[in-house]
C-alpha cells in the first residue's frame, strides 16, 4: 500500500475506536441501553484492514462487531451513527441498527436474522459474481458461535466444488460469548477443521494491520484469479463486554484483559507509522480532536432526527 492508503487505513481504525469509546462513555457507562450494541475495541486491525483492501464492488458480510468494517468499505460515519441510534437518514431508516446496515452501492448486502447463515449467503454472492464473470469477490467475517451451524460445512463444500471467489475470515477474539474458543474448537483454532476440504488455511496476528491487509489481499487476489475460496483466521481479543451490562469478569480476569491491552492494534499501528516517518504525536492529537468533535456533532444531529414510523417501515418492506 502507498503511504496515503496506510494513513487512511489508520484513520479508519482510530475512527472506529473513538466511536466505540463515545458509545461506551456516553451511554453504556451511564446505564443507557443502546440495544444491539457490541463494542469492537481491540479488534480494529482485523475488522478495518480486512475490509479496506476490497474494491467498492466487492461484497462484504460483516459481523455484529463490524462498525470498523462498515467504515472501511465506504459507509459514511454519519450513516453508521444514524443506524446505531435507530434514526432516519441512515442506511435502513432506523429499522435495524448497525446490526442490519444495508449499503449495496458499496457491497454491503445487509445481514439476516438466522444465525450462522452468513456462510451460505456469502457463497451465493460469490456464485453470482462468478456467473456474471465480474471478478468480484465476497469476504465473509465470522465469529466462534456462528460457525457452530451445519450451514458452515454446506457452504464450504459448495465453495470448494465450484471454486467460488469467497474468503471466510474468522475473528478469533477469544470467546464465543462467555465460552473460550478452546472450549468450542479443538485445540482452540477456528480454522483447522477447514483443512479437510483441501482449501488454503492461514492463521495470523489479527492485531497487526499490515499482517491483516496482506493476508486478505493475497486471498482476494487468488479468488479473482479463479483459484477458489480461502480461509483466514485472525487472532485478536475482545476487550469490552460481549454486550453492555454483562458481568464479563465472571469468566475472565482483569489481568488477562490488561495483557491484551498491551497488544492494542492501534498503538502498534501508531508505532509502525512513526517508525516509517509518516506520522507523529502532533498529527495523532489533531486527528483525535477532529474525530471526537465530528462524532459528537453527528450524534447531536442524529439525536434530533426523527424515529421512523413502524407503519412506514412496513410499507417500505412490503410495498416497494
C-alpha atoms as a PDB file:
ATOM      1  CA  UNK A   1       0.000   0.000   0.000  1.00  0.00           C
ATOM      2  CA  UNK A   2       1.033   3.572  -0.554  1.00  0.00           C
ATOM      3  CA  UNK A   3       1.705   5.786   2.452  1.00  0.00           C
ATOM      4  CA  UNK A   4      -1.523   7.620   1.667  1.00  0.00           C
ATOM      5  CA  UNK A   5      -3.530   4.398   1.894  1.00  0.00           C
ATOM      6  CA  UNK A   6      -1.726   3.330   5.052  1.00  0.00           C
ATOM      7  CA  UNK A   7      -2.630   6.620   6.721  1.00  0.00           C
ATOM      8  CA  UNK A   8      -6.242   6.306   5.573  1.00  0.00           C
ATOM      9  CA  UNK A   9      -6.422   2.791   6.998  1.00  0.00           C
ATOM     10  CA  UNK A  10      -5.048   4.020  10.305  1.00  0.00           C
ATOM     11  CA  UNK A  11      -7.533   6.910  10.373  1.00  0.00           C
ATOM     12  CA  UNK A  12     -10.415   4.474   9.914  1.00  0.00           C
ATOM     13  CA  UNK A  13      -9.133   2.321  12.768  1.00  0.00           C
ATOM     14  CA  UNK A  14      -8.942   5.355  15.042  1.00  0.00           C
ATOM     15  CA  UNK A  15     -12.429   6.446  13.935  1.00  0.00           C
ATOM     16  CA  UNK A  16     -13.843   3.034  14.831  1.00  0.00           C
ATOM     17  CA  UNK A  17     -12.132   3.136  18.249  1.00  0.00           C
ATOM     18  CA  UNK A  18     -13.306   6.647  19.085  1.00  0.00           C
ATOM     19  CA  UNK A  19     -16.888   5.848  18.070  1.00  0.00           C
ATOM     20  CA  UNK A  20     -16.846   2.815  20.366  1.00  0.00           C
ATOM     21  CA  UNK A  21     -15.371   4.871  23.188  1.00  0.00           C
ATOM     22  CA  UNK A  22     -18.034   7.532  22.654  1.00  0.00           C
ATOM     23  CA  UNK A  23     -20.802   4.924  22.908  1.00  0.00           C
ATOM     24  CA  UNK A  24     -19.273   3.291  25.979  1.00  0.00           C
ATOM     25  CA  UNK A  25     -18.544   6.528  27.855  1.00  0.00           C
ATOM     26  CA  UNK A  26     -21.694   8.441  26.938  1.00  0.00           C
ATOM     27  CA  UNK A  27     -24.218   5.634  27.142  1.00  0.00           C
ATOM     28  CA  UNK A  28     -23.100   2.234  28.377  1.00  0.00           C
ATOM     29  CA  UNK A  29     -21.337   3.544  31.495  1.00  0.00           C
ATOM     30  CA  UNK A  30     -24.337   5.767  32.223  1.00  0.00           C
ATOM     31  CA  UNK A  31     -26.778   2.872  32.045  1.00  0.00           C
ATOM     32  CA  UNK A  32     -28.357   3.789  28.702  1.00  0.00           C
ATOM     33  CA  UNK A  33     -29.425   0.731  26.718  1.00  0.00           C
ATOM     34  CA  UNK A  34     -28.218   1.021  23.125  1.00  0.00           C
ATOM     35  CA  UNK A  35     -29.870  -2.296  22.289  1.00  0.00           C
ATOM     36  CA  UNK A  36     -27.862  -4.485  19.857  1.00  0.00           C
ATOM     37  CA  UNK A  37     -24.609  -2.571  20.513  1.00  0.00           C
ATOM     38  CA  UNK A  38     -21.409  -4.640  20.516  1.00  0.00           C
ATOM     39  CA  UNK A  39     -18.089  -2.894  21.156  1.00  0.00           C
ATOM     40  CA  UNK A  40     -15.244  -3.651  18.760  1.00  0.00           C
ATOM     41  CA  UNK A  41     -12.494  -2.180  20.943  1.00  0.00           C
ATOM     42  CA  UNK A  42      -9.321  -4.205  20.471  1.00  0.00           C
ATOM     43  CA  UNK A  43     -10.341  -5.697  17.146  1.00  0.00           C
ATOM     44  CA  UNK A  44      -9.884  -2.683  14.863  1.00  0.00           C
ATOM     45  CA  UNK A  45      -6.968  -4.037  12.816  1.00  0.00           C
ATOM     46  CA  UNK A  46      -8.898  -7.152  11.850  1.00  0.00           C
ATOM     47  CA  UNK A  47     -12.262  -5.505  11.204  1.00  0.00           C
ATOM     48  CA  UNK A  48     -10.905  -2.480   9.333  1.00  0.00           C
ATOM     49  CA  UNK A  49      -7.861  -3.728   7.415  1.00  0.00           C
ATOM     50  CA  UNK A  50      -9.656  -6.804   6.086  1.00  0.00           C
ATOM     51  CA  UNK A  51     -12.442  -4.766   4.530  1.00  0.00           C
ATOM     52  CA  UNK A  52     -10.120  -1.940   3.475  1.00  0.00           C
ATOM     53  CA  UNK A  53      -8.336  -3.984   0.786  1.00  0.00           C
ATOM     54  CA  UNK A  54     -11.588  -4.797  -1.026  1.00  0.00           C
ATOM     55  CA  UNK A  55     -12.875  -2.982  -4.075  1.00  0.00           C
ATOM     56  CA  UNK A  56     -16.020  -0.917  -3.824  1.00  0.00           C
ATOM     57  CA  UNK A  57     -17.861  -3.536  -5.888  1.00  0.00           C
ATOM     58  CA  UNK A  58     -16.772  -6.489  -3.752  1.00  0.00           C
ATOM     59  CA  UNK A  59     -19.262  -7.997  -1.333  1.00  0.00           C
ATOM     60  CA  UNK A  60     -18.775  -7.784   2.429  1.00  0.00           C
ATOM     61  CA  UNK A  61     -20.679  -9.761   5.034  1.00  0.00           C
ATOM     62  CA  UNK A  62     -19.747  -8.168   8.344  1.00  0.00           C
ATOM     63  CA  UNK A  63     -20.277  -9.235  11.955  1.00  0.00           C
ATOM     64  CA  UNK A  64     -22.286  -7.683  14.783  1.00  0.00           C
ATOM     65  CA  UNK A  65     -18.992  -6.127  15.923  1.00  0.00           C
ATOM     66  CA  UNK A  66     -18.430  -4.663  12.469  1.00  0.00           C
ATOM     67  CA  UNK A  67     -18.550  -0.858  12.649  1.00  0.00           C
ATOM     68  CA  UNK A  68     -14.920  -0.697  11.532  1.00  0.00           C
ATOM     69  CA  UNK A  69     -15.655  -2.930   8.546  1.00  0.00           C
ATOM     70  CA  UNK A  70     -18.572  -0.739   7.507  1.00  0.00           C
ATOM     71  CA  UNK A  71     -16.464   2.414   7.635  1.00  0.00           C
ATOM     72  CA  UNK A  72     -13.629   0.737   5.721  1.00  0.00           C
ATOM     73  CA  UNK A  73     -15.987  -0.415   2.977  1.00  0.00           C
ATOM     74  CA  UNK A  74     -17.280   3.119   2.403  1.00  0.00           C
ATOM     75  CA  UNK A  75     -20.346   3.572   4.608  1.00  0.00           C
ATOM     76  CA  UNK A  76     -20.251   7.119   5.962  1.00  0.00           C
ATOM     77  CA  UNK A  77     -19.740   7.810   9.646  1.00  0.00           C
ATOM     78  CA  UNK A  78     -22.999   9.760   9.674  1.00  0.00           C
ATOM     79  CA  UNK A  79     -24.935   6.810   8.228  1.00  0.00           C
ATOM     80  CA  UNK A  80     -23.370   4.477  10.800  1.00  0.00           C
ATOM     81  CA  UNK A  81     -24.334   6.911  13.556  1.00  0.00           C
ATOM     82  CA  UNK A  82     -27.952   7.121  12.351  1.00  0.00           C
ATOM     83  CA  UNK A  83     -28.183   3.336  12.132  1.00  0.00           C
ATOM     84  CA  UNK A  84     -26.622   2.950  15.577  1.00  0.00           C
ATOM     85  CA  UNK A  85     -29.334   5.032  17.207  1.00  0.00           C
ATOM     86  CA  UNK A  86     -32.296   3.793  15.131  1.00  0.00           C
ATOM     87  CA  UNK A  87     -32.818   7.134  13.401  1.00  0.00           C
ATOM     88  CA  UNK A  88     -33.892   8.113   9.907  1.00  0.00           C
ATOM     89  CA  UNK A  89     -31.198   9.181   7.473  1.00  0.00           C
ATOM     90  CA  UNK A  90     -29.060   6.078   7.855  1.00  0.00           C
ATOM     91  CA  UNK A  91     -28.938   3.079   5.558  1.00  0.00           C
ATOM     92  CA  UNK A  92     -32.037   1.380   6.925  1.00  0.00           C
ATOM     93  CA  UNK A  93     -34.048   4.380   8.145  1.00  0.00           C
ATOM     94  CA  UNK A  94     -33.904   3.328  11.770  1.00  0.00           C
ATOM     95  CA  UNK A  95     -35.295  -0.152  11.280  1.00  0.00           C
ATOM     96  CA  UNK A  96     -32.342  -2.325  12.222  1.00  0.00           C
ATOM     97  CA  UNK A  97     -29.439  -0.507  13.901  1.00  0.00           C
ATOM     98  CA  UNK A  98     -25.856  -1.288  12.820  1.00  0.00           C
ATOM     99  CA  UNK A  99     -26.810  -4.947  13.080  1.00  0.00           C
ATOM    100  CA  UNK A 100     -28.567  -4.512   9.747  1.00  0.00           C
ATOM    101  CA  UNK A 101     -26.736  -1.800   7.840  1.00  0.00           C
ATOM    102  CA  UNK A 102     -27.564  -2.046   4.150  1.00  0.00           C
ATOM    103  CA  UNK A 103     -25.466  -0.254   1.516  1.00  0.00           C
ATOM    104  CA  UNK A 104     -25.428  -2.200  -1.775  1.00  0.00           C
ATOM    105  CA  UNK A 105     -23.690   0.688  -3.532  1.00  0.00           C
ATOM    106  CA  UNK A 106     -20.517  -0.258  -1.636  1.00  0.00           C
ATOM    107  CA  UNK A 107     -21.116  -4.012  -1.479  1.00  0.00           C
ATOM    108  CA  UNK A 108     -22.841  -4.184   1.917  1.00  0.00           C
ATOM    109  CA  UNK A 109     -25.768  -6.535   1.364  1.00  0.00           C
ATOM    110  CA  UNK A 110     -27.039  -6.336   4.928  1.00  0.00           C
ATOM    111  CA  UNK A 111     -27.368  -9.111   7.484  1.00  0.00           C
ATOM    112  CA  UNK A 112     -30.169 -11.520   8.222  1.00  0.00           C
ATOM    113  CA  UNK A 113     -31.743 -12.850  11.385  1.00  0.00           C
ATOM    114  CA  UNK A 114     -30.828 -16.528  11.036  1.00  0.00           C
ATOM    115  CA  UNK A 115     -27.632 -17.043  12.971  1.00  0.00           C
ATOM    116  CA  UNK A 116     -24.884 -18.816  11.044  1.00  0.00           C
ATOM    117  CA  UNK A 117     -26.467 -18.475   7.612  1.00  0.00           C
ATOM    118  CA  UNK A 118     -23.752 -15.985   6.584  1.00  0.00           C
ATOM    119  CA  UNK A 119     -21.672 -18.800   5.091  1.00  0.00           C
ATOM    120  CA  UNK A 120     -24.234 -19.847   2.513  1.00  0.00           C
ATOM    121  CA  UNK A 121     -25.214 -16.258   1.737  1.00  0.00           C
ATOM    122  CA  UNK A 122     -21.570 -15.352   1.058  1.00  0.00           C
ATOM    123  CA  UNK A 123     -21.214 -18.437  -1.136  1.00  0.00           C
ATOM    124  CA  UNK A 124     -24.319 -17.382  -3.040  1.00  0.00           C
ATOM    125  CA  UNK A 125     -22.924 -13.891  -3.596  1.00  0.00           C
ATOM    126  CA  UNK A 126     -19.666 -15.409  -4.830  1.00  0.00           C
ATOM    127  CA  UNK A 127     -21.562 -17.749  -7.151  1.00  0.00           C
ATOM    128  CA  UNK A 128     -23.451 -14.793  -8.637  1.00  0.00           C
ATOM    129  CA  UNK A 129     -20.168 -12.954  -9.185  1.00  0.00           C
ATOM    130  CA  UNK A 130     -18.638 -15.983 -10.884  1.00  0.00           C
ATOM    131  CA  UNK A 131     -21.645 -16.498 -13.165  1.00  0.00           C
ATOM    132  CA  UNK A 132     -21.527 -12.838 -14.165  1.00  0.00           C
ATOM    133  CA  UNK A 133     -17.745 -13.024 -14.760  1.00  0.00           C
ATOM    134  CA  UNK A 134     -17.237  -9.759 -12.876  1.00  0.00           C
ATOM    135  CA  UNK A 135     -14.038 -10.673 -10.941  1.00  0.00           C
ATOM    136  CA  UNK A 136     -15.945  -9.616  -7.818  1.00  0.00           C
ATOM    137  CA  UNK A 137     -15.186 -11.443  -4.575  1.00  0.00           C
ATOM    138  CA  UNK A 138     -17.100 -11.942  -1.342  1.00  0.00           C
ATOM    139  CA  UNK A 139     -15.461 -11.532   2.068  1.00  0.00           C
ATOM    140  CA  UNK A 140     -17.343 -13.125   4.952  1.00  0.00           C
ATOM    141  CA  UNK A 141     -16.315 -12.348   8.534  1.00  0.00           C
ATOM    142  CA  UNK A 142     -17.491 -14.763  11.206  1.00  0.00           C
ATOM    143  CA  UNK A 143     -17.102 -15.449  14.907  1.00  0.00           C
ATOM    144  CA  UNK A 144     -16.856 -18.533  17.090  1.00  0.00           C
ATOM    145  CA  UNK A 145     -20.594 -19.027  17.628  1.00  0.00           C
ATOM    146  CA  UNK A 146     -21.652 -18.502  14.005  1.00  0.00           C
ATOM    147  CA  UNK A 147     -19.617 -21.465  12.788  1.00  0.00           C
ATOM    148  CA  UNK A 148     -21.415 -23.874  15.133  1.00  0.00           C
ATOM    149  CA  UNK A 149     -24.022 -24.470  12.435  1.00  0.00           C
ATOM    150  CA  UNK A 150     -24.445 -27.076   9.713  1.00  0.00           C
ATOM    151  CA  UNK A 151     -24.583 -24.390   7.039  1.00  0.00           C
ATOM    152  CA  UNK A 152     -20.911 -23.779   7.731  1.00  0.00           C
ATOM    153  CA  UNK A 153     -19.992 -27.093   6.106  1.00  0.00           C
ATOM    154  CA  UNK A 154     -22.581 -26.952   3.355  1.00  0.00           C
ATOM    155  CA  UNK A 155     -21.269 -23.592   2.191  1.00  0.00           C
ATOM    156  CA  UNK A 156     -17.636 -24.665   2.271  1.00  0.00           C
ATOM    157  CA  UNK A 157     -18.297 -27.822   0.269  1.00  0.00           C
ATOM    158  CA  UNK A 158     -20.131 -25.790  -2.368  1.00  0.00           C
ATOM    159  CA  UNK A 159     -17.387 -23.146  -2.443  1.00  0.00           C
ATOM    160  CA  UNK A 160     -14.645 -25.728  -2.962  1.00  0.00           C
ATOM    161  CA  UNK A 161     -16.563 -27.762  -5.557  1.00  0.00           C
ATOM    162  CA  UNK A 162     -17.351 -24.708  -7.664  1.00  0.00           C
ATOM    163  CA  UNK A 163     -14.163 -22.737  -6.891  1.00  0.00           C
ATOM    164  CA  UNK A 164     -16.180 -19.765  -5.716  1.00  0.00           C
ATOM    165  CA  UNK A 165     -14.440 -16.400  -5.153  1.00  0.00           C
ATOM    166  CA  UNK A 166     -15.204 -16.255  -1.439  1.00  0.00           C
ATOM    167  CA  UNK A 167     -12.959 -15.655   1.569  1.00  0.00           C
ATOM    168  CA  UNK A 168     -14.072 -16.737   5.028  1.00  0.00           C
ATOM    169  CA  UNK A 169     -12.334 -14.660   7.699  1.00  0.00           C
ATOM    170  CA  UNK A 170     -12.570 -15.930  11.282  1.00  0.00           C
ATOM    171  CA  UNK A 171     -12.405 -13.312  14.038  1.00  0.00           C
ATOM    172  CA  UNK A 172     -10.872 -15.365  16.824  1.00  0.00           C
ATOM    173  CA  UNK A 173     -11.331 -12.891  19.681  1.00  0.00           C
ATOM    174  CA  UNK A 174     -11.002 -15.458  22.430  1.00  0.00           C
ATOM    175  CA  UNK A 175     -14.661 -16.054  23.221  1.00  0.00           C
ATOM    176  CA  UNK A 176     -17.971 -17.332  21.949  1.00  0.00           C
ATOM    177  CA  UNK A 177     -19.964 -15.022  24.240  1.00  0.00           C
ATOM    178  CA  UNK A 178     -18.617 -16.437  27.549  1.00  0.00           C
ATOM    179  CA  UNK A 179     -17.155 -19.725  26.301  1.00  0.00           C
ATOM    180  CA  UNK A 180     -13.471 -19.652  25.466  1.00  0.00           C
ATOM    181  CA  UNK A 181     -12.506 -20.534  21.902  1.00  0.00           C
ATOM    182  CA  UNK A 182     -10.672 -23.665  23.070  1.00  0.00           C
ATOM    183  CA  UNK A 183     -13.921 -24.843  24.690  1.00  0.00           C
ATOM    184  CA  UNK A 184     -15.696 -24.639  21.353  1.00  0.00           C
ATOM    185  CA  UNK A 185     -12.954 -25.652  18.904  1.00  0.00           C
ATOM    186  CA  UNK A 186     -10.221 -28.215  19.429  1.00  0.00           C
ATOM    187  CA  UNK A 187      -7.500 -27.243  20.110  1.00  0.00           C
ATOM    188  CA  UNK A 188      -8.690 -23.631  20.063  1.00  0.00           C
ATOM    189  CA  UNK A 189      -8.086 -22.939  16.365  1.00  0.00           C
ATOM    190  CA  UNK A 190     -11.207 -21.943  14.467  1.00  0.00           C
ATOM    191  CA  UNK A 191      -9.713 -22.668  11.042  1.00  0.00           C
ATOM    192  CA  UNK A 192      -8.160 -26.135  11.470  1.00  0.00           C
ATOM    193  CA  UNK A 193     -11.359 -28.005  10.681  1.00  0.00           C
ATOM    194  CA  UNK A 194     -11.410 -26.470   7.204  1.00  0.00           C
ATOM    195  CA  UNK A 195      -8.189 -28.217   6.178  1.00  0.00           C
ATOM    196  CA  UNK A 196     -10.041 -31.420   5.344  1.00  0.00           C
ATOM    197  CA  UNK A 197     -11.669 -29.630   2.429  1.00  0.00           C
ATOM    198  CA  UNK A 198      -8.322 -29.142   0.630  1.00  0.00           C
ATOM    199  CA  UNK A 199      -8.511 -25.374   0.937  1.00  0.00           C
ATOM    200  CA  UNK A 200      -5.790 -22.810   1.801  1.00  0.00           C
ATOM    201  CA  UNK A 201      -5.901 -22.004   5.519  1.00  0.00           C
ATOM    202  CA  UNK A 202      -3.865 -19.249   7.167  1.00  0.00           C
ATOM    203  CA  UNK A 203      -3.717 -18.120  10.798  1.00  0.00           C
ATOM    204  CA  UNK A 204      -2.140 -14.752  11.504  1.00  0.00           C
ATOM    205  CA  UNK A 205      -1.811 -11.917  14.007  1.00  0.00           C
ATOM    206  CA  UNK A 206      -5.171 -10.140  13.835  1.00  0.00           C
ATOM    207  CA  UNK A 207      -3.851  -7.156  15.814  1.00  0.00           C
ATOM    208  CA  UNK A 208      -1.262  -6.286  13.153  1.00  0.00           C
ATOM    209  CA  UNK A 209      -2.950  -4.163  10.484  1.00  0.00           C
ATOM    210  CA  UNK A 210      -0.217  -4.930   7.950  1.00  0.00           C
ATOM    211  CA  UNK A 211      -0.499  -8.690   8.502  1.00  0.00           C
ATOM    212  CA  UNK A 212      -4.290  -8.495   8.149  1.00  0.00           C
ATOM    213  CA  UNK A 213      -4.140  -6.435   4.958  1.00  0.00           C
ATOM    214  CA  UNK A 214      -1.545  -8.745   3.400  1.00  0.00           C
ATOM    215  CA  UNK A 215      -3.398 -11.951   4.274  1.00  0.00           C
ATOM    216  CA  UNK A 216      -6.752 -10.726   2.951  1.00  0.00           C
ATOM    217  CA  UNK A 217      -5.225  -9.093  -0.142  1.00  0.00           C
ATOM    218  CA  UNK A 218      -3.477 -12.354  -1.098  1.00  0.00           C
ATOM    219  CA  UNK A 219      -6.672 -14.359  -0.622  1.00  0.00           C
ATOM    220  CA  UNK A 220      -8.648 -11.810  -2.640  1.00  0.00           C
ATOM    221  CA  UNK A 221      -6.090 -11.922  -5.459  1.00  0.00           C
ATOM    222  CA  UNK A 222      -6.296 -15.702  -5.505  1.00  0.00           C
ATOM    223  CA  UNK A 223     -10.089 -15.597  -5.686  1.00  0.00           C
ATOM    224  CA  UNK A 224     -10.055 -13.064  -8.534  1.00  0.00           C
ATOM    225  CA  UNK A 225      -7.763 -15.371 -10.498  1.00  0.00           C
ATOM    226  CA  UNK A 226     -10.396 -18.105 -10.319  1.00  0.00           C
ATOM    227  CA  UNK A 227      -8.474 -20.294  -7.869  1.00  0.00           C
ATOM    228  CA  UNK A 228     -11.352 -20.562  -5.438  1.00  0.00           C
ATOM    229  CA  UNK A 229     -12.001 -19.892  -1.748  1.00  0.00           C
ATOM    230  CA  UNK A 230      -9.644 -19.339   1.177  1.00  0.00           C
ATOM    231  CA  UNK A 231      -9.999 -19.484   4.931  1.00  0.00           C
ATOM    232  CA  UNK A 232      -8.253 -16.966   7.177  1.00  0.00           C
ATOM    233  CA  UNK A 233      -8.129 -16.759  10.958  1.00  0.00           C
ATOM    234  CA  UNK A 234      -7.057 -13.560  12.680  1.00  0.00           C
ATOM    235  CA  UNK A 235      -6.068 -13.871  16.346  1.00  0.00           C
ATOM    236  CA  UNK A 236      -7.340 -10.892  18.327  1.00  0.00           C
ATOM    237  CA  UNK A 237      -9.150 -10.201  21.611  1.00  0.00           C
ATOM    238  CA  UNK A 238     -12.441  -8.699  22.756  1.00  0.00           C
ATOM    239  CA  UNK A 239     -11.515  -6.043  25.310  1.00  0.00           C
ATOM    240  CA  UNK A 240     -15.039  -4.964  26.282  1.00  0.00           C
ATOM    241  CA  UNK A 241     -18.057  -6.972  27.338  1.00  0.00           C
ATOM    242  CA  UNK A 242     -19.837  -9.136  24.771  1.00  0.00           C
ATOM    243  CA  UNK A 243     -22.851  -6.869  25.226  1.00  0.00           C
ATOM    244  CA  UNK A 244     -23.340  -3.924  27.590  1.00  0.00           C
ATOM    245  CA  UNK A 245     -24.025  -4.677  31.246  1.00  0.00           C
ATOM    246  CA  UNK A 246     -22.893  -8.300  31.252  1.00  0.00           C
ATOM    247  CA  UNK A 247     -20.559  -9.476  34.017  1.00  0.00           C
ATOM    248  CA  UNK A 248     -17.603 -10.448  31.860  1.00  0.00           C
ATOM    249  CA  UNK A 249     -15.428 -10.824  34.962  1.00  0.00           C
ATOM    250  CA  UNK A 250     -17.425 -13.934  35.735  1.00  0.00           C
ATOM    251  CA  UNK A 251     -15.428 -15.781  33.088  1.00  0.00           C
ATOM    252  CA  UNK A 252     -12.127 -13.846  32.779  1.00  0.00           C
ATOM    253  CA  UNK A 253      -9.685 -11.903  34.906  1.00  0.00           C
ATOM    254  CA  UNK A 254      -8.730  -8.240  34.620  1.00  0.00           C
ATOM    255  CA  UNK A 255      -5.080  -9.294  34.286  1.00  0.00           C
ATOM    256  CA  UNK A 256      -5.907 -11.116  31.052  1.00  0.00           C
ATOM    257  CA  UNK A 257      -7.610  -8.063  29.621  1.00  0.00           C
ATOM    258  CA  UNK A 258      -4.672  -5.867  30.575  1.00  0.00           C
ATOM    259  CA  UNK A 259      -2.298  -8.315  28.940  1.00  0.00           C
ATOM    260  CA  UNK A 260      -4.165  -7.869  25.664  1.00  0.00           C
ATOM    261  CA  UNK A 261      -4.305  -4.101  26.072  1.00  0.00           C
ATOM    262  CA  UNK A 262      -0.526  -4.262  25.716  1.00  0.00           C
ATOM    263  CA  UNK A 263      -1.143  -5.707  22.236  1.00  0.00           C
ATOM    264  CA  UNK A 264      -3.513  -2.883  21.250  1.00  0.00           C
ATOM    265  CA  UNK A 265      -3.744  -2.839  17.426  1.00  0.00           C
ATOM    266  CA  UNK A 266      -3.970   0.948  17.233  1.00  0.00           C
ATOM    267  CA  UNK A 267      -0.958   1.519  19.469  1.00  0.00           C
ATOM    268  CA  UNK A 268       1.006  -0.984  17.394  1.00  0.00           C
ATOM    269  CA  UNK A 269      -0.018   0.658  14.133  1.00  0.00           C
ATOM    270  CA  UNK A 270       0.837   4.086  15.521  1.00  0.00           C
ATOM    271  CA  UNK A 271       4.315   2.913  16.488  1.00  0.00           C
ATOM    272  CA  UNK A 272       4.872   1.468  12.999  1.00  0.00           C
ATOM    273  CA  UNK A 273       3.756   4.650  11.264  1.00  0.00           C
ATOM    274  CA  UNK A 274       6.002   6.791  13.439  1.00  0.00           C
ATOM    275  CA  UNK A 275       8.884   4.437  12.645  1.00  0.00           C
ATOM    276  CA  UNK A 276       8.150   4.834   8.943  1.00  0.00           C
ATOM    277  CA  UNK A 277       8.396   8.612   9.334  1.00  0.00           C
ATOM    278  CA  UNK A 278       4.856   9.284   8.113  1.00  0.00           C
ATOM    279  CA  UNK A 279       3.219  10.003  11.488  1.00  0.00           C
ATOM    280  CA  UNK A 280       3.871  11.792  14.763  1.00  0.00           C
ATOM    281  CA  UNK A 281       2.070  12.520  18.016  1.00  0.00           C
ATOM    282  CA  UNK A 282       1.167  16.048  16.934  1.00  0.00           C
ATOM    283  CA  UNK A 283      -0.749  14.614  13.976  1.00  0.00           C
ATOM    284  CA  UNK A 284      -2.263  11.994  16.289  1.00  0.00           C
ATOM    285  CA  UNK A 285      -3.597  14.616  18.673  1.00  0.00           C
ATOM    286  CA  UNK A 286      -5.009  16.706  15.820  1.00  0.00           C
ATOM    287  CA  UNK A 287      -6.717  13.656  14.283  1.00  0.00           C
ATOM    288  CA  UNK A 288      -8.291  12.560  17.569  1.00  0.00           C
ATOM    289  CA  UNK A 289      -9.507  16.076  18.356  1.00  0.00           C
ATOM    290  CA  UNK A 290     -11.087  16.389  14.910  1.00  0.00           C
ATOM    291  CA  UNK A 291     -12.725  12.962  15.032  1.00  0.00           C
ATOM    292  CA  UNK A 292     -14.073  13.368  18.565  1.00  0.00           C
ATOM    293  CA  UNK A 293     -15.674  16.659  17.570  1.00  0.00           C
ATOM    294  CA  UNK A 294     -17.139  15.142  14.431  1.00  0.00           C
ATOM    295  CA  UNK A 295     -18.539  12.130  16.266  1.00  0.00           C
ATOM    296  CA  UNK A 296     -20.238  14.333  18.849  1.00  0.00           C
ATOM    297  CA  UNK A 297     -21.596  16.646  16.162  1.00  0.00           C
ATOM    298  CA  UNK A 298     -23.008  13.729  14.148  1.00  0.00           C
ATOM    299  CA  UNK A 299     -24.593  12.276  17.271  1.00  0.00           C
ATOM    300  CA  UNK A 300     -26.261  15.590  18.066  1.00  0.00           C
ATOM    301  CA  UNK A 301     -27.669  15.659  14.528  1.00  0.00           C
ATOM    302  CA  UNK A 302     -28.838  12.068  14.847  1.00  0.00           C
ATOM    303  CA  UNK A 303     -30.439  12.815  18.212  1.00  0.00           C
ATOM    304  CA  UNK A 304     -32.627  15.460  16.579  1.00  0.00           C
ATOM    305  CA  UNK A 305     -33.577  13.205  13.665  1.00  0.00           C
ATOM    306  CA  UNK A 306     -36.995  11.538  13.814  1.00  0.00           C
ATOM    307  CA  UNK A 307     -37.561   7.882  14.540  1.00  0.00           C
ATOM    308  CA  UNK A 308     -39.156   6.055  11.628  1.00  0.00           C
ATOM    309  CA  UNK A 309     -42.851   5.325  11.981  1.00  0.00           C
ATOM    310  CA  UNK A 310     -43.244   1.494  12.192  1.00  0.00           C
ATOM    311  CA  UNK A 311     -46.044   1.648   9.625  1.00  0.00           C
ATOM    312  CA  UNK A 312     -43.654   3.384   7.217  1.00  0.00           C
ATOM    313  CA  UNK A 313     -41.102   0.600   7.674  1.00  0.00           C
ATOM    314  CA  UNK A 314     -43.825  -1.939   6.935  1.00  0.00           C
ATOM    315  CA  UNK A 315     -44.822  -0.045   3.807  1.00  0.00           C
ATOM    316  CA  UNK A 316     -41.244   0.096   2.514  1.00  0.00           C
ATOM    317  CA  UNK A 317     -40.625  -3.593   3.139  1.00  0.00           C
ATOM    318  CA  UNK A 318     -43.834  -4.990   1.706  1.00  0.00           C
ATOM    319  CA  UNK A 319     -44.937  -2.408  -0.859  1.00  0.00           C
ATOM    320  CA  UNK A 320     -41.779  -1.324  -2.665  1.00  0.00           C
END
